[in-house]
């Protein structure tokens, strides 16, 4: 095996290793992206649930019966 063949083998091996590293890096970025995407969906769902709860609480607090019961409780104490 001559020096030219040795250099060719080293260059090919280096390029193969670089391609392998690039593939692993790309795969890890895709995994991170899918995790952040699912986390975003969970946050959106939680936000929607919280908005529903706040709307229900606003309805309860602005209800005239609620004011009346608060006034009665104040008179009792």
C-alpha atoms as a PDB file:
ATOM      1  CA  UNK A   1       0.000   0.000   0.000  1.00  0.00           C
ATOM      2  CA  UNK A   2       1.540   3.238  -1.119  1.00  0.00           C
ATOM      3  CA  UNK A   3       1.372   6.684   0.459  1.00  0.00           C
ATOM      4  CA  UNK A   4      -1.263   7.910  -2.021  1.00  0.00           C
ATOM      5  CA  UNK A   5      -3.601   5.039  -1.115  1.00  0.00           C
ATOM      6  CA  UNK A   6      -3.035   5.679   2.593  1.00  0.00           C
ATOM      7  CA  UNK A   7      -3.952   9.371   2.192  1.00  0.00           C
ATOM      8  CA  UNK A   8      -7.073   8.440   0.210  1.00  0.00           C
ATOM      9  CA  UNK A   9      -8.203   6.007   2.912  1.00  0.00           C
ATOM     10  CA  UNK A  10      -7.648   8.618   5.643  1.00  0.00           C
ATOM     11  CA  UNK A  11      -9.572  11.275   3.694  1.00  0.00           C
ATOM     12  CA  UNK A  12     -12.471   8.887   2.984  1.00  0.00           C
ATOM     13  CA  UNK A  13     -12.592   7.786   6.625  1.00  0.00           C
ATOM     14  CA  UNK A  14     -12.585  11.419   7.804  1.00  0.00           C
ATOM     15  CA  UNK A  15     -15.405  12.353   5.443  1.00  0.00           C
ATOM     16  CA  UNK A  16     -17.414   9.319   6.527  1.00  0.00           C
ATOM     17  CA  UNK A  17     -16.976  10.222  10.188  1.00  0.00           C
ATOM     18  CA  UNK A  18     -17.970  13.841   9.526  1.00  0.00           C
ATOM     19  CA  UNK A  19     -21.122  12.664   7.726  1.00  0.00           C
ATOM     20  CA  UNK A  20     -21.949  10.332  10.624  1.00  0.00           C
ATOM     21  CA  UNK A  21     -21.566  13.169  13.166  1.00  0.00           C
ATOM     22  CA  UNK A  22     -23.756  15.453  11.051  1.00  0.00           C
ATOM     23  CA  UNK A  23     -26.454  12.786  10.922  1.00  0.00           C
ATOM     24  CA  UNK A  24     -26.364  12.308  14.704  1.00  0.00           C
ATOM     25  CA  UNK A  25     -26.525  16.078  15.285  1.00  0.00           C
ATOM     26  CA  UNK A  26     -29.466  16.411  12.915  1.00  0.00           C
ATOM     27  CA  UNK A  27     -31.296  13.570  14.638  1.00  0.00           C
ATOM     28  CA  UNK A  28     -30.788  15.103  18.085  1.00  0.00           C
ATOM     29  CA  UNK A  29     -32.073  18.473  16.824  1.00  0.00           C
ATOM     30  CA  UNK A  30     -35.160  16.785  15.370  1.00  0.00           C
ATOM     31  CA  UNK A  31     -35.804  15.056  18.699  1.00  0.00           C
ATOM     32  CA  UNK A  32     -35.448  18.335  20.579  1.00  0.00           C
ATOM     33  CA  UNK A  33     -37.778  20.053  18.114  1.00  0.00           C
ATOM     34  CA  UNK A  34     -40.458  17.391  18.504  1.00  0.00           C
ATOM     35  CA  UNK A  35     -40.152  17.589  22.312  1.00  0.00           C
ATOM     36  CA  UNK A  36     -40.532  21.365  22.293  1.00  0.00           C
ATOM     37  CA  UNK A  37     -43.456  21.042  19.886  1.00  0.00           C
ATOM     38  CA  UNK A  38     -45.288  18.633  22.186  1.00  0.00           C
ATOM     39  CA  UNK A  39     -44.475  20.868  25.171  1.00  0.00           C
ATOM     40  CA  UNK A  40     -45.952  23.823  23.290  1.00  0.00           C
ATOM     41  CA  UNK A  41     -49.147  21.868  22.598  1.00  0.00           C
ATOM     42  CA  UNK A  42     -49.423  20.981  26.303  1.00  0.00           C
ATOM     43  CA  UNK A  43     -49.006  24.642  27.243  1.00  0.00           C
ATOM     44  CA  UNK A  44     -51.664  25.704  24.740  1.00  0.00           C
ATOM     45  CA  UNK A  45     -54.088  23.148  26.178  1.00  0.00           C
ATOM     46  CA  UNK A  46     -53.352  24.282  29.742  1.00  0.00           C
ATOM     47  CA  UNK A  47     -53.863  27.930  28.724  1.00  0.00           C
ATOM     48  CA  UNK A  48     -57.251  27.103  27.210  1.00  0.00           C
ATOM     49  CA  UNK A  49     -58.297  25.308  30.411  1.00  0.00           C
ATOM     50  CA  UNK A  50     -57.170  28.254  32.541  1.00  0.00           C
ATOM     51  CA  UNK A  51     -59.128  30.684  30.360  1.00  0.00           C
ATOM     52  CA  UNK A  52     -62.251  28.579  30.907  1.00  0.00           C
ATOM     53  CA  UNK A  53     -61.695  28.598  34.667  1.00  0.00           C
ATOM     54  CA  UNK A  54     -61.195  32.365  34.753  1.00  0.00           C
ATOM     55  CA  UNK A  55     -64.371  32.874  32.716  1.00  0.00           C
ATOM     56  CA  UNK A  56     -66.305  30.696  35.176  1.00  0.00           C
ATOM     57  CA  UNK A  57     -64.904  32.631  38.143  1.00  0.00           C
ATOM     58  CA  UNK A  58     -65.774  35.949  36.506  1.00  0.00           C
ATOM     59  CA  UNK A  59     -69.324  34.728  36.019  1.00  0.00           C
ATOM     60  CA  UNK A  60     -69.599  33.718  39.666  1.00  0.00           C
ATOM     61  CA  UNK A  61     -68.127  36.961  41.006  1.00  0.00           C
ATOM     62  CA  UNK A  62     -70.213  39.244  38.795  1.00  0.00           C
ATOM     63  CA  UNK A  63     -73.415  37.379  39.630  1.00  0.00           C
ATOM     64  CA  UNK A  64     -75.821  39.492  41.748  1.00  0.00           C
ATOM     65  CA  UNK A  65     -76.534  36.543  44.037  1.00  0.00           C
ATOM     66  CA  UNK A  66     -72.833  36.396  44.900  1.00  0.00           C
ATOM     67  CA  UNK A  67     -72.885  40.061  45.958  1.00  0.00           C
ATOM     68  CA  UNK A  68     -75.948  39.410  48.079  1.00  0.00           C
ATOM     69  CA  UNK A  69     -74.349  36.442  49.818  1.00  0.00           C
ATOM     70  CA  UNK A  70     -71.219  38.517  50.490  1.00  0.00           C
ATOM     71  CA  UNK A  71     -73.310  41.264  52.070  1.00  0.00           C
ATOM     72  CA  UNK A  72     -75.106  38.730  54.255  1.00  0.00           C
ATOM     73  CA  UNK A  73     -71.800  37.270  55.394  1.00  0.00           C
ATOM     74  CA  UNK A  74     -70.552  40.757  56.269  1.00  0.00           C
ATOM     75  CA  UNK A  75     -73.652  41.395  58.348  1.00  0.00           C
ATOM     76  CA  UNK A  76     -73.200  38.113  60.235  1.00  0.00           C
ATOM     77  CA  UNK A  77     -69.703  38.997  61.394  1.00  0.00           C
END
